[in-house]
PDB file of N, CA and C in Angstrom:
ATOM      1  N   MET A   1     142.482  97.857  79.252  1.00  0.00           N
ATOM      2  CA  MET A   1     141.473  98.914  79.347  1.00  0.00           C
ATOM      3  C   MET A   1     140.354  98.416  80.174  1.00  0.00           C
ATOM      4  N   THR A   2     139.951  99.212  81.201  1.00  0.00           N
ATOM      5  CA  THR A   2     138.809  98.809  82.047  1.00  0.00           C
ATOM      6  C   THR A   2     137.530  99.434  81.539  1.00  0.00           C
ATOM      7  N   ALA A   3     136.520  98.663  81.583  1.00  0.00           N
ATOM      8  CA  ALA A   3     135.181  99.124  81.165  1.00  0.00           C
ATOM      9  C   ALA A   3     134.560  99.941  82.234  1.00  0.00           C
ATOM     10  N   HIS A   4     134.019 101.063  81.849  1.00  0.00           N
ATOM     11  CA  HIS A   4     133.329 101.930  82.765  1.00  0.00           C
ATOM     12  C   HIS A   4     131.945 101.437  82.961  1.00  0.00           C
ATOM     13  N   ARG A   5     131.623 100.996  84.183  1.00  0.00           N
ATOM     14  CA  ARG A   5     130.260 100.519  84.472  1.00  0.00           C
ATOM     15  C   ARG A   5     129.442 101.612  85.150  1.00  0.00           C
ATOM     16  N   ARG A   6     128.302 101.784  84.694  1.00  0.00           N
ATOM     17  CA  ARG A   6     127.424 102.813  85.251  1.00  0.00           C
ATOM     18  C   ARG A   6     126.509 102.132  86.275  1.00  0.00           C
ATOM     19  N   MET A   7     126.537 102.660  87.442  1.00  0.00           N
ATOM     20  CA  MET A   7     125.664 102.140  88.495  1.00  0.00           C
ATOM     21  C   MET A   7     124.222 102.564  88.230  1.00  0.00           C
ATOM     22  N   SER A   8     123.308 101.643  88.210  1.00  0.00           N
ATOM     23  CA  SER A   8     121.930 102.012  87.946  1.00  0.00           C
ATOM     24  C   SER A   8     121.197 102.550  89.174  1.00  0.00           C
ATOM     25  N   HIS A   9     120.670 103.659  89.002  1.00  0.00           N
ATOM     26  CA  HIS A   9     119.887 104.296  90.091  1.00  0.00           C
ATOM     27  C   HIS A   9     118.379 104.456  89.666  1.00  0.00           C
ATOM     28  N   LYS A  10     117.980 103.591  88.758  1.00  0.00           N
ATOM     29  CA  LYS A  10     116.586 103.634  88.290  1.00  0.00           C
ATOM     30  C   LYS A  10     115.667 103.294  89.406  1.00  0.00           C
ATOM     31  N   LEU A  11     114.475 103.843  89.300  1.00  0.00           N
ATOM     32  CA  LEU A  11     113.440 103.449  90.203  1.00  0.00           C
ATOM     33  C   LEU A  11     112.940 102.068  89.815  1.00  0.00           C
ATOM     34  N   THR A  12     112.701 101.180  90.787  1.00  0.00           N
ATOM     35  CA  THR A  12     112.212  99.854  90.493  1.00  0.00           C
ATOM     36  C   THR A  12     110.725  99.987  90.032  1.00  0.00           C
ATOM     37  N   ARG A  13     110.186  98.947  89.478  1.00  0.00           N
ATOM     38  CA  ARG A  13     108.806  99.045  89.032  1.00  0.00           C
ATOM     39  C   ARG A  13     107.871  99.194  90.240  1.00  0.00           C
ATOM     40  N   PHE A  14     108.314  98.754  91.426  1.00  0.00           N
ATOM     41  CA  PHE A  14     107.492  98.968  92.638  1.00  0.00           C
ATOM     42  C   PHE A  14     107.489 100.349  93.181  1.00  0.00           C
ATOM     43  N   GLN A  15     108.384 101.186  92.667  1.00  0.00           N
ATOM     44  CA  GLN A  15     108.512 102.594  93.057  1.00  0.00           C
ATOM     45  C   GLN A  15     107.887 103.511  92.064  1.00  0.00           C
ATOM     46  N   ARG A  16     107.215 102.973  91.032  1.00  0.00           N
ATOM     47  CA  ARG A  16     106.592 103.752  90.008  1.00  0.00           C
ATOM     48  C   ARG A  16     105.089 103.615  90.026  1.00  0.00           C
ATOM     49  N   ILE A  17     104.397 104.713  89.847  1.00  0.00           N
ATOM     50  CA  ILE A  17     102.950 104.656  89.681  1.00  0.00           C
ATOM     51  C   ILE A  17     102.718 104.606  88.176  1.00  0.00           C
ATOM     52  N   GLN A  18     102.069 103.570  87.695  1.00  0.00           N
ATOM     53  CA  GLN A  18     101.921 103.389  86.281  1.00  0.00           C
ATOM     54  C   GLN A  18     100.441 103.302  85.759  1.00  0.00           C
ATOM     55  N   HIS A  19      99.591 102.856  86.671  1.00  0.00           N
ATOM     56  CA  HIS A  19      98.185 102.651  86.279  1.00  0.00           C
ATOM     57  C   HIS A  19      97.332 103.939  86.389  1.00  0.00           C
ATOM     58  N   SER A  20      96.552 104.144  85.393  1.00  0.00           N
ATOM     59  CA  SER A  20      95.719 105.383  85.357  1.00  0.00           C
ATOM     60  C   SER A  20      94.751 105.416  86.559  1.00  0.00           C
ATOM     61  N   ARG A  21      94.331 104.300  87.066  1.00  0.00           N
ATOM     62  CA  ARG A  21      93.457 104.288  88.295  1.00  0.00           C
ATOM     63  C   ARG A  21      94.113 104.877  89.458  1.00  0.00           C
ATOM     64  N   ASP A  22      95.474 104.655  89.584  1.00  0.00           N
ATOM     65  CA  ASP A  22      96.218 105.194  90.699  1.00  0.00           C
ATOM     66  C   ASP A  22      96.439 106.710  90.536  1.00  0.00           C
ATOM     67  N   PHE A  23      96.617 107.169  89.318  1.00  0.00           N
ATOM     68  CA  PHE A  23      96.771 108.593  89.043  1.00  0.00           C
ATOM     69  C   PHE A  23      95.443 109.287  89.342  1.00  0.00           C
ATOM     70  N   GLU A  24      94.305 108.691  88.941  1.00  0.00           N
ATOM     71  CA  GLU A  24      92.960 109.219  89.201  1.00  0.00           C
ATOM     72  C   GLU A  24      92.627 109.303  90.715  1.00  0.00           C
ATOM     73  N   ARG A  25      93.042 108.197  91.406  1.00  0.00           N
ATOM     74  CA  ARG A  25      92.745 108.173  92.870  1.00  0.00           C
ATOM     75  C   ARG A  25      93.496 109.271  93.566  1.00  0.00           C
ATOM     76  N   LEU A  26      94.776 109.514  93.183  1.00  0.00           N
ATOM     77  CA  LEU A  26      95.545 110.632  93.818  1.00  0.00           C
ATOM     78  C   LEU A  26      94.934 111.951  93.518  1.00  0.00           C
ATOM     79  N   LYS A  27      94.515 112.097  92.201  1.00  0.00           N
ATOM     80  CA  LYS A  27      93.934 113.391  91.831  1.00  0.00           C
ATOM     81  C   LYS A  27      92.616 113.682  92.609  1.00  0.00           C
ATOM     82  N   LYS A  28      91.871 112.632  92.844  1.00  0.00           N
ATOM     83  CA  LYS A  28      90.525 112.802  93.466  1.00  0.00           C
ATOM     84  C   LYS A  28      90.652 112.863  94.998  1.00  0.00           C
ATOM     85  N   GLU A  29      91.446 111.996  95.613  1.00  0.00           N
ATOM     86  CA  GLU A  29      91.527 111.862  97.079  1.00  0.00           C
ATOM     87  C   GLU A  29      92.716 112.484  97.732  1.00  0.00           C
ATOM     88  N   GLY A  30      93.770 112.730  96.930  1.00  0.00           N
ATOM     89  CA  GLY A  30      95.014 113.190  97.516  1.00  0.00           C
ATOM     90  C   GLY A  30      95.079 114.679  97.786  1.00  0.00           C
ATOM     91  N   GLN A  31      96.127 115.089  98.478  1.00  0.00           N
ATOM     92  CA  GLN A  31      96.363 116.475  98.739  1.00  0.00           C
ATOM     93  C   GLN A  31      97.171 117.053  97.583  1.00  0.00           C
ATOM     94  N   ARG A  32      97.079 118.308  97.408  1.00  0.00           N
ATOM     95  CA  ARG A  32      97.742 118.993  96.249  1.00  0.00           C
ATOM     96  C   ARG A  32      98.380 120.271  96.626  1.00  0.00           C
ATOM     97  N   LEU A  33      99.602 120.466  96.126  1.00  0.00           N
ATOM     98  CA  LEU A  33     100.304 121.755  96.298  1.00  0.00           C
ATOM     99  C   LEU A  33     101.052 122.089  95.053  1.00  0.00           C
ATOM    100  N   ALA A  34     101.079 123.344  94.703  1.00  0.00           N
ATOM    101  CA  ALA A  34     101.916 123.788  93.587  1.00  0.00           C
ATOM    102  C   ALA A  34     103.064 124.602  94.077  1.00  0.00           C
ATOM    103  N   GLN A  35     104.208 124.364  93.458  1.00  0.00           N
ATOM    104  CA  GLN A  35     105.430 125.082  93.847  1.00  0.00           C
ATOM    105  C   GLN A  35     106.335 125.249  92.656  1.00  0.00           C
ATOM    106  N   GLY A  36     106.543 126.442  92.253  1.00  0.00           N
ATOM    107  CA  GLY A  36     107.514 126.713  91.139  1.00  0.00           C
ATOM    108  C   GLY A  36     107.144 125.956  89.872  1.00  0.00           C
ATOM    109  N   CYS A  37     108.024 125.045  89.453  1.00  0.00           N
ATOM    110  CA  CYS A  37     107.861 124.318  88.193  1.00  0.00           C
ATOM    111  C   CYS A  37     107.093 123.051  88.286  1.00  0.00           C
ATOM    112  N   MET A  38     106.443 122.778  89.411  1.00  0.00           N
ATOM    113  CA  MET A  38     105.717 121.486  89.558  1.00  0.00           C
ATOM    114  C   MET A  38     104.436 121.621  90.418  1.00  0.00           C
ATOM    115  N   VAL A  39     103.572 120.648  90.250  1.00  0.00           N
ATOM    116  CA  VAL A  39     102.426 120.472  91.114  1.00  0.00           C
ATOM    117  C   VAL A  39     102.557 119.046  91.722  1.00  0.00           C
ATOM    118  N   ALA A  40     102.357 118.961  92.996  1.00  0.00           N
ATOM    119  CA  ALA A  40     102.449 117.632  93.648  1.00  0.00           C
ATOM    120  C   ALA A  40     101.146 117.183  94.160  1.00  0.00           C
ATOM    121  N   ASN A  41     100.787 115.958  93.934  1.00  0.00           N
ATOM    122  CA  ASN A  41      99.597 115.313  94.485  1.00  0.00           C
ATOM    123  C   ASN A  41     100.101 114.129  95.275  1.00  0.00           C
ATOM    124  N   TRP A  42      99.622 113.889  96.468  1.00  0.00           N
ATOM    125  CA  TRP A  42     100.093 112.780  97.284  1.00  0.00           C
ATOM    126  C   TRP A  42      99.054 112.233  98.213  1.00  0.00           C
ATOM    127  N   LEU A  43      99.265 110.924  98.560  1.00  0.00           N
ATOM    128  CA  LEU A  43      98.469 110.244  99.535  1.00  0.00           C
ATOM    129  C   LEU A  43      99.469 109.373 100.370  1.00  0.00           C
ATOM    130  N   PRO A  44      99.294 109.325 101.671  1.00  0.00           N
ATOM    131  CA  PRO A  44     100.155 108.453 102.453  1.00  0.00           C
ATOM    132  C   PRO A  44      99.898 107.007 102.175  1.00  0.00           C
ATOM    133  N   ARG A  45     100.949 106.150 102.296  1.00  0.00           N
ATOM    134  CA  ARG A  45     100.837 104.709 102.165  1.00  0.00           C
ATOM    135  C   ARG A  45     101.043 104.139 103.515  1.00  0.00           C
ATOM    136  N   THR A  46     100.775 102.841 103.630  1.00  0.00           N
ATOM    137  CA  THR A  46     100.936 102.162 104.900  1.00  0.00           C
ATOM    138  C   THR A  46     102.442 101.986 105.218  1.00  0.00           C
ATOM    139  N   ALA A  47     102.734 102.092 106.484  1.00  0.00           N
ATOM    140  CA  ALA A  47     104.160 101.951 106.956  1.00  0.00           C
ATOM    141  C   ALA A  47     104.741 100.656 106.506  1.00  0.00           C
ATOM    142  N   GLY A  48     105.953 100.660 106.065  1.00  0.00           N
ATOM    143  CA  GLY A  48     106.643  99.527 105.553  1.00  0.00           C
ATOM    144  C   GLY A  48     106.641  99.367 104.044  1.00  0.00           C
ATOM    145  N   ASP A  49     105.697 100.108 103.354  1.00  0.00           N
ATOM    146  CA  ASP A  49     105.657 100.136 101.939  1.00  0.00           C
ATOM    147  C   ASP A  49     106.770 101.099 101.416  1.00  0.00           C
ATOM    148  N   ASP A  50     107.110 100.909 100.121  1.00  0.00           N
ATOM    149  CA  ASP A  50     108.031 101.892  99.541  1.00  0.00           C
ATOM    150  C   ASP A  50     107.197 103.042  99.024  1.00  0.00           C
ATOM    151  N   SER A  51     107.773 104.224  99.009  1.00  0.00           N
ATOM    152  CA  SER A  51     107.137 105.390  98.380  1.00  0.00           C
ATOM    153  C   SER A  51     107.130 105.157  96.882  1.00  0.00           C
ATOM    154  N   ARG A  52     106.122 105.619  96.207  1.00  0.00           N
ATOM    155  CA  ARG A  52     106.031 105.478  94.744  1.00  0.00           C
ATOM    156  C   ARG A  52     105.847 106.860  94.088  1.00  0.00           C
ATOM    157  N   LEU A  53     106.329 106.957  92.846  1.00  0.00           N
ATOM    158  CA  LEU A  53     106.307 108.209  92.097  1.00  0.00           C
ATOM    159  C   LEU A  53     105.638 108.007  90.748  1.00  0.00           C
ATOM    160  N   GLY A  54     104.841 108.945  90.426  1.00  0.00           N
ATOM    161  CA  GLY A  54     104.292 109.075  89.076  1.00  0.00           C
ATOM    162  C   GLY A  54     104.605 110.467  88.533  1.00  0.00           C
ATOM    163  N   VAL A  55     104.920 110.569  87.290  1.00  0.00           N
ATOM    164  CA  VAL A  55     105.299 111.887  86.694  1.00  0.00           C
ATOM    165  C   VAL A  55     104.358 112.122  85.481  1.00  0.00           C
ATOM    166  N   ILE A  56     103.881 113.333  85.398  1.00  0.00           N
ATOM    167  CA  ILE A  56     103.035 113.780  84.286  1.00  0.00           C
ATOM    168  C   ILE A  56     103.730 114.954  83.581  1.00  0.00           C
ATOM    169  N   THR A  57     103.928 114.807  82.267  1.00  0.00           N
ATOM    170  CA  THR A  57     104.479 115.934  81.507  1.00  0.00           C
ATOM    171  C   THR A  57     103.564 116.070  80.256  1.00  0.00           C
ATOM    172  N   SER A  58     102.835 117.159  80.198  1.00  0.00           N
ATOM    173  CA  SER A  58     101.914 117.349  79.096  1.00  0.00           C
ATOM    174  C   SER A  58     102.649 117.934  77.877  1.00  0.00           C
ATOM    175  N   ARG A  59     101.995 117.974  76.816  1.00  0.00           N
ATOM    176  CA  ARG A  59     102.608 118.544  75.588  1.00  0.00           C
ATOM    177  C   ARG A  59     102.786 120.072  75.707  1.00  0.00           C
ATOM    178  N   ARG A  60     102.160 120.660  76.688  1.00  0.00           N
ATOM    179  CA  ARG A  60     102.370 122.144  76.876  1.00  0.00           C
ATOM    180  C   ARG A  60     103.856 122.438  77.248  1.00  0.00           C
ATOM    181  N   ILE A  61     104.502 121.406  77.784  1.00  0.00           N
ATOM    182  CA  ILE A  61     105.915 121.572  78.098  1.00  0.00           C
ATOM    183  C   ILE A  61     106.757 121.789  76.860  1.00  0.00           C
ATOM    184  N   GLY A  62     106.452 121.080  75.822  1.00  0.00           N
ATOM    185  CA  GLY A  62     107.170 121.173  74.573  1.00  0.00           C
ATOM    186  C   GLY A  62     107.284 119.797  73.913  1.00  0.00           C
ATOM    187  N   GLY A  63     108.347 119.666  73.068  1.00  0.00           N
ATOM    188  CA  GLY A  63     108.477 118.404  72.355  1.00  0.00           C
ATOM    189  C   GLY A  63     108.961 117.288  73.238  1.00  0.00           C
ATOM    190  N   ALA A  64     109.175 116.116  72.634  1.00  0.00           N
ATOM    191  CA  ALA A  64     109.569 114.912  73.399  1.00  0.00           C
ATOM    192  C   ALA A  64     110.828 115.095  74.204  1.00  0.00           C
ATOM    193  N   VAL A  65     111.842 115.767  73.602  1.00  0.00           N
ATOM    194  CA  VAL A  65     113.091 115.951  74.304  1.00  0.00           C
ATOM    195  C   VAL A  65     112.903 116.719  75.546  1.00  0.00           C
ATOM    196  N   LEU A  66     112.136 117.775  75.471  1.00  0.00           N
ATOM    197  CA  LEU A  66     111.902 118.645  76.687  1.00  0.00           C
ATOM    198  C   LEU A  66     111.083 117.883  77.733  1.00  0.00           C
ATOM    199  N   ARG A  67     110.065 117.151  77.299  1.00  0.00           N
ATOM    200  CA  ARG A  67     109.272 116.353  78.205  1.00  0.00           C
ATOM    201  C   ARG A  67     110.089 115.291  78.891  1.00  0.00           C
ATOM    202  N   ASN A  68     110.928 114.595  78.165  1.00  0.00           N
ATOM    203  CA  ASN A  68     111.757 113.564  78.734  1.00  0.00           C
ATOM    204  C   ASN A  68     112.710 114.140  79.740  1.00  0.00           C
ATOM    205  N   ARG A  69     113.356 115.264  79.479  1.00  0.00           N
ATOM    206  CA  ARG A  69     114.258 115.953  80.348  1.00  0.00           C
ATOM    207  C   ARG A  69     113.545 116.325  81.668  1.00  0.00           C
ATOM    208  N   ALA A  70     112.289 116.843  81.523  1.00  0.00           N
ATOM    209  CA  ALA A  70     111.542 117.235  82.667  1.00  0.00           C
ATOM    210  C   ALA A  70     111.237 115.978  83.557  1.00  0.00           C
ATOM    211  N   ARG A  71     110.897 114.847  82.896  1.00  0.00           N
ATOM    212  CA  ARG A  71     110.677 113.604  83.649  1.00  0.00           C
ATOM    213  C   ARG A  71     111.914 113.199  84.423  1.00  0.00           C
ATOM    214  N   ARG A  72     113.069 113.278  83.782  1.00  0.00           N
ATOM    215  CA  ARG A  72     114.324 112.880  84.395  1.00  0.00           C
ATOM    216  C   ARG A  72     114.640 113.735  85.633  1.00  0.00           C
ATOM    217  N   LEU A  73     114.431 115.042  85.464  1.00  0.00           N
ATOM    218  CA  LEU A  73     114.718 116.002  86.588  1.00  0.00           C
ATOM    219  C   LEU A  73     113.794 115.672  87.793  1.00  0.00           C
ATOM    220  N   LEU A  74     112.507 115.445  87.549  1.00  0.00           N
ATOM    221  CA  LEU A  74     111.562 115.192  88.602  1.00  0.00           C
ATOM    222  C   LEU A  74     111.860 113.810  89.260  1.00  0.00           C
ATOM    223  N   ARG A  75     112.165 112.810  88.472  1.00  0.00           N
ATOM    224  CA  ARG A  75     112.473 111.459  88.998  1.00  0.00           C
ATOM    225  C   ARG A  75     113.715 111.509  89.875  1.00  0.00           C
ATOM    226  N   GLU A  76     114.723 112.307  89.359  1.00  0.00           N
ATOM    227  CA  GLU A  76     116.047 112.321  90.180  1.00  0.00           C
ATOM    228  C   GLU A  76     115.799 113.048  91.500  1.00  0.00           C
ATOM    229  N   SER A  77     114.988 114.099  91.474  1.00  0.00           N
ATOM    230  CA  SER A  77     114.704 114.802  92.759  1.00  0.00           C
ATOM    231  C   SER A  77     114.028 113.811  93.733  1.00  0.00           C
ATOM    232  N   PHE A  78     113.062 113.055  93.247  1.00  0.00           N
ATOM    233  CA  PHE A  78     112.383 112.080  94.101  1.00  0.00           C
ATOM    234  C   PHE A  78     113.394 111.033  94.545  1.00  0.00           C
ATOM    235  N   ARG A  79     114.218 110.484  93.688  1.00  0.00           N
ATOM    236  CA  ARG A  79     115.117 109.444  94.020  1.00  0.00           C
ATOM    237  C   ARG A  79     116.078 109.859  95.120  1.00  0.00           C
ATOM    238  N   ARG A  80     116.565 111.083  95.069  1.00  0.00           N
ATOM    239  CA  ARG A  80     117.532 111.584  96.034  1.00  0.00           C
ATOM    240  C   ARG A  80     116.903 111.825  97.424  1.00  0.00           C
ATOM    241  N   HIS A  81     115.659 112.068  97.480  1.00  0.00           N
ATOM    242  CA  HIS A  81     115.069 112.475  98.736  1.00  0.00           C
ATOM    243  C   HIS A  81     113.976 111.580  99.281  1.00  0.00           C
ATOM    244  N   GLN A  82     113.696 110.466  98.582  1.00  0.00           N
ATOM    245  CA  GLN A  82     112.592 109.585  99.032  1.00  0.00           C
ATOM    246  C   GLN A  82     112.733 109.033 100.414  1.00  0.00           C
ATOM    247  N   HIS A  83     113.981 108.884 100.918  1.00  0.00           N
ATOM    248  CA  HIS A  83     114.201 108.347 102.224  1.00  0.00           C
ATOM    249  C   HIS A  83     114.060 109.352 103.310  1.00  0.00           C
ATOM    250  N   GLN A  84     113.778 110.617 102.922  1.00  0.00           N
ATOM    251  CA  GLN A  84     113.638 111.629 103.965  1.00  0.00           C
ATOM    252  C   GLN A  84     112.103 111.913 104.217  1.00  0.00           C
ATOM    253  N   PHE A  85     111.211 111.144 103.595  1.00  0.00           N
ATOM    254  CA  PHE A  85     109.799 111.371 103.783  1.00  0.00           C
ATOM    255  C   PHE A  85     109.405 110.921 105.231  1.00  0.00           C
ATOM    256  N   HIS A  86     108.473 111.634 105.767  1.00  0.00           N
ATOM    257  CA  HIS A  86     107.961 111.351 107.095  1.00  0.00           C
ATOM    258  C   HIS A  86     107.271 109.983 107.106  1.00  0.00           C
ATOM    259  N   THR A  87     106.550 109.714 106.080  1.00  0.00           N
ATOM    260  CA  THR A  87     105.800 108.388 105.914  1.00  0.00           C
ATOM    261  C   THR A  87     105.876 108.026 104.459  1.00  0.00           C
ATOM    262  N   PRO A  88     105.758 106.744 104.105  1.00  0.00           N
ATOM    263  CA  PRO A  88     105.767 106.337 102.672  1.00  0.00           C
ATOM    264  C   PRO A  88     104.579 107.065 101.986  1.00  0.00           C
ATOM    265  N   LEU A  89     104.830 107.422 100.727  1.00  0.00           N
ATOM    266  CA  LEU A  89     103.831 108.178  99.936  1.00  0.00           C
ATOM    267  C   LEU A  89     103.615 107.617  98.530  1.00  0.00           C
ATOM    268  N   ASP A  90     102.467 107.850  97.999  1.00  0.00           N
ATOM    269  CA  ASP A  90     102.207 107.824  96.560  1.00  0.00           C
ATOM    270  C   ASP A  90     102.242 109.291  96.167  1.00  0.00           C
ATOM    271  N   LEU A  91     103.182 109.642  95.300  1.00  0.00           N
ATOM    272  CA  LEU A  91     103.414 110.995  94.913  1.00  0.00           C
ATOM    273  C   LEU A  91     103.322 111.097  93.407  1.00  0.00           C
ATOM    274  N   VAL A  92     102.514 112.019  92.922  1.00  0.00           N
ATOM    275  CA  VAL A  92     102.498 112.350  91.475  1.00  0.00           C
ATOM    276  C   VAL A  92     102.935 113.756  91.304  1.00  0.00           C
ATOM    277  N   LEU A  93     103.975 113.964  90.402  1.00  0.00           N
ATOM    278  CA  LEU A  93     104.525 115.267  90.153  1.00  0.00           C
ATOM    279  C   LEU A  93     104.080 115.628  88.743  1.00  0.00           C
ATOM    280  N   VAL A  94     103.493 116.804  88.647  1.00  0.00           N
ATOM    281  CA  VAL A  94     103.047 117.280  87.344  1.00  0.00           C
ATOM    282  C   VAL A  94     104.000 118.432  86.942  1.00  0.00           C
ATOM    283  N   ALA A  95     104.690 118.329  85.829  1.00  0.00           N
ATOM    284  CA  ALA A  95     105.621 119.384  85.450  1.00  0.00           C
ATOM    285  C   ALA A  95     104.810 120.513  84.842  1.00  0.00           C
ATOM    286  N   ARG A  96     105.227 121.705  85.219  1.00  0.00           N
ATOM    287  CA  ARG A  96     104.681 122.980  84.609  1.00  0.00           C
ATOM    288  C   ARG A  96     105.612 123.450  83.516  1.00  0.00           C
ATOM    289  N   PRO A  97     105.090 124.229  82.586  1.00  0.00           N
ATOM    290  CA  PRO A  97     105.932 124.703  81.523  1.00  0.00           C
ATOM    291  C   PRO A  97     107.173 125.482  81.979  1.00  0.00           C
ATOM    292  N   SER A  98     107.167 126.016  83.162  1.00  0.00           N
ATOM    293  CA  SER A  98     108.314 126.818  83.681  1.00  0.00           C
ATOM    294  C   SER A  98     109.521 125.902  83.945  1.00  0.00           C
ATOM    295  N   ILE A  99     109.352 124.539  83.881  1.00  0.00           N
ATOM    296  CA  ILE A  99     110.519 123.616  84.114  1.00  0.00           C
ATOM    297  C   ILE A  99     111.478 123.684  82.958  1.00  0.00           C
ATOM    298  N   VAL A 100     111.024 124.107  81.828  1.00  0.00           N
ATOM    299  CA  VAL A 100     111.901 124.136  80.653  1.00  0.00           C
ATOM    300  C   VAL A 100     113.037 125.107  80.883  1.00  0.00           C
ATOM    301  N   GLY A 101     114.242 124.599  80.673  1.00  0.00           N
ATOM    302  CA  GLY A 101     115.445 125.432  80.859  1.00  0.00           C
ATOM    303  C   GLY A 101     115.968 125.488  82.284  1.00  0.00           C
ATOM    304  N   LYS A 102     115.331 124.854  83.209  1.00  0.00           N
ATOM    305  CA  LYS A 102     115.815 124.871  84.607  1.00  0.00           C
ATOM    306  C   LYS A 102     116.904 123.832  84.788  1.00  0.00           C
ATOM    307  N   ARG A 103     117.885 124.113  85.643  1.00  0.00           N
ATOM    308  CA  ARG A 103     118.895 123.204  86.002  1.00  0.00           C
ATOM    309  C   ARG A 103     118.334 122.274  87.096  1.00  0.00           C
ATOM    310  N   PHE A 104     119.038 121.124  87.282  1.00  0.00           N
ATOM    311  CA  PHE A 104     118.586 120.234  88.296  1.00  0.00           C
ATOM    312  C   PHE A 104     118.419 120.859  89.661  1.00  0.00           C
ATOM    313  N   GLN A 105     119.396 121.660  90.065  1.00  0.00           N
ATOM    314  CA  GLN A 105     119.425 122.283  91.416  1.00  0.00           C
ATOM    315  C   GLN A 105     118.154 123.152  91.605  1.00  0.00           C
ATOM    316  N   GLU A 106     117.696 123.817  90.583  1.00  0.00           N
ATOM    317  CA  GLU A 106     116.502 124.646  90.656  1.00  0.00           C
ATOM    318  C   GLU A 106     115.257 123.783  90.822  1.00  0.00           C
ATOM    319  N   VAL A 107     115.212 122.691  90.114  1.00  0.00           N
ATOM    320  CA  VAL A 107     114.045 121.824  90.191  1.00  0.00           C
ATOM    321  C   VAL A 107     114.066 121.171  91.613  1.00  0.00           C
ATOM    322  N   GLU A 108     115.240 120.774  92.075  1.00  0.00           N
ATOM    323  CA  GLU A 108     115.338 120.142  93.405  1.00  0.00           C
ATOM    324  C   GLU A 108     114.877 121.098  94.515  1.00  0.00           C
ATOM    325  N   VAL A 109     115.216 122.415  94.389  1.00  0.00           N
ATOM    326  CA  VAL A 109     114.775 123.407  95.347  1.00  0.00           C
ATOM    327  C   VAL A 109     113.250 123.440  95.373  1.00  0.00           C
ATOM    328  N   ASP A 110     112.593 123.482  94.192  1.00  0.00           N
ATOM    329  CA  ASP A 110     111.134 123.491  94.179  1.00  0.00           C
ATOM    330  C   ASP A 110     110.544 122.244  94.779  1.00  0.00           C
ATOM    331  N   PHE A 111     111.197 121.049  94.519  1.00  0.00           N
ATOM    332  CA  PHE A 111     110.768 119.776  95.018  1.00  0.00           C
ATOM    333  C   PHE A 111     110.788 119.837  96.543  1.00  0.00           C
ATOM    334  N   LEU A 112     111.900 120.237  97.136  1.00  0.00           N
ATOM    335  CA  LEU A 112     112.049 120.340  98.579  1.00  0.00           C
ATOM    336  C   LEU A 112     111.089 121.286  99.234  1.00  0.00           C
ATOM    337  N   LYS A 113     110.895 122.398  98.539  1.00  0.00           N
ATOM    338  CA  LYS A 113     109.892 123.400  99.091  1.00  0.00           C
ATOM    339  C   LYS A 113     108.545 122.825  99.137  1.00  0.00           C
ATOM    340  N   VAL A 114     108.095 122.137  98.122  1.00  0.00           N
ATOM    341  CA  VAL A 114     106.735 121.576  98.153  1.00  0.00           C
ATOM    342  C   VAL A 114     106.619 120.463  99.208  1.00  0.00           C
ATOM    343  N   LEU A 115     107.670 119.727  99.425  1.00  0.00           N
ATOM    344  CA  LEU A 115     107.650 118.704 100.468  1.00  0.00           C
ATOM    345  C   LEU A 115     107.618 119.348 101.844  1.00  0.00           C
ATOM    346  N   LYS A 116     108.319 120.406 102.024  1.00  0.00           N
ATOM    347  CA  LYS A 116     108.284 121.127 103.323  1.00  0.00           C
ATOM    348  C   LYS A 116     106.908 121.777 103.558  1.00  0.00           C
ATOM    349  N   ARG A 117     106.410 122.405 102.535  1.00  0.00           N
ATOM    350  CA  ARG A 117     105.063 123.011 102.679  1.00  0.00           C
ATOM    351  C   ARG A 117     104.002 121.997 102.977  1.00  0.00           C
ATOM    352  N   GLY A 118     104.124 120.789 102.466  1.00  0.00           N
ATOM    353  CA  GLY A 118     103.189 119.720 102.744  1.00  0.00           C
ATOM    354  C   GLY A 118     103.478 118.937 103.940  1.00  0.00           C
ATOM    355  N   HIS A 119     104.519 119.303 104.689  1.00  0.00           N
ATOM    356  CA  HIS A 119     104.913 118.605 105.958  1.00  0.00           C
ATOM    357  C   HIS A 119     105.180 117.167 105.691  1.00  0.00           C
ATOM    358  N   LEU A 120     105.883 116.879 104.574  1.00  0.00           N
ATOM    359  CA  LEU A 120     106.131 115.460 104.163  1.00  0.00           C
ATOM    360  C   LEU A 120     107.520 115.023 104.558  1.00  0.00           C
ATOM    361  N   LEU A 121     108.370 115.938 104.968  1.00  0.00           N
ATOM    362  CA  LEU A 121     109.716 115.526 105.333  1.00  0.00           C
ATOM    363  C   LEU A 121     109.868 115.238 106.813  1.00  0.00           C
ATOM    364  N   ARG A 122     110.720 114.312 107.131  1.00  0.00           N
ATOM    365  CA  ARG A 122     111.052 113.984 108.487  1.00  0.00           C
ATOM    366  C   ARG A 122     111.728 115.168 109.123  1.00  0.00           C
ATOM    367  N   ALA A 123     111.527 115.344 110.442  1.00  0.00           N
ATOM    368  CA  ALA A 123     112.239 116.446 111.162  1.00  0.00           C
ATOM    369  C   ALA A 123     113.674 116.024 111.277  1.00  0.00           C
ATOM    370  N   THR A 124     114.563 116.971 110.938  1.00  0.00           N
ATOM    371  CA  THR A 124     116.009 116.696 110.973  1.00  0.00           C
ATOM    372  C   THR A 124     116.511 117.321 112.269  1.00  0.00           C
ATOM    373  N   SER A 125     117.500 116.582 112.847  1.00  0.00           N
ATOM    374  CA  SER A 125     118.074 117.098 114.073  1.00  0.00           C
ATOM    375  C   SER A 125     119.289 117.919 113.870  1.00  0.00           C
TER     376      SER A 125
END
């Protein structure tokens, strides 16, 4: 019997925004756009750095299970598209209550729309 190994696609600690000072800096100095089930705050980083993500899910979303699911959906959207950014970013995504009950594809569409509206995606040929 072969063991099924799961490939880890977790964000590294260098790809996560964890300190409150970084969240505050993005809120104060960064650009902000709301789209569908999320609000995005971002600031460009220097070239060569990795993009970083922070996720905020308030209790208005619901209980712990709903908040954790919202975090997973937002992190996965970031993970799949982080290499398409025009420039490295510090990005904070704030989940709105409308995220509850959405499928990944719906969250991903909102994520891509907010990136396009913010001119954060590389031009595709």
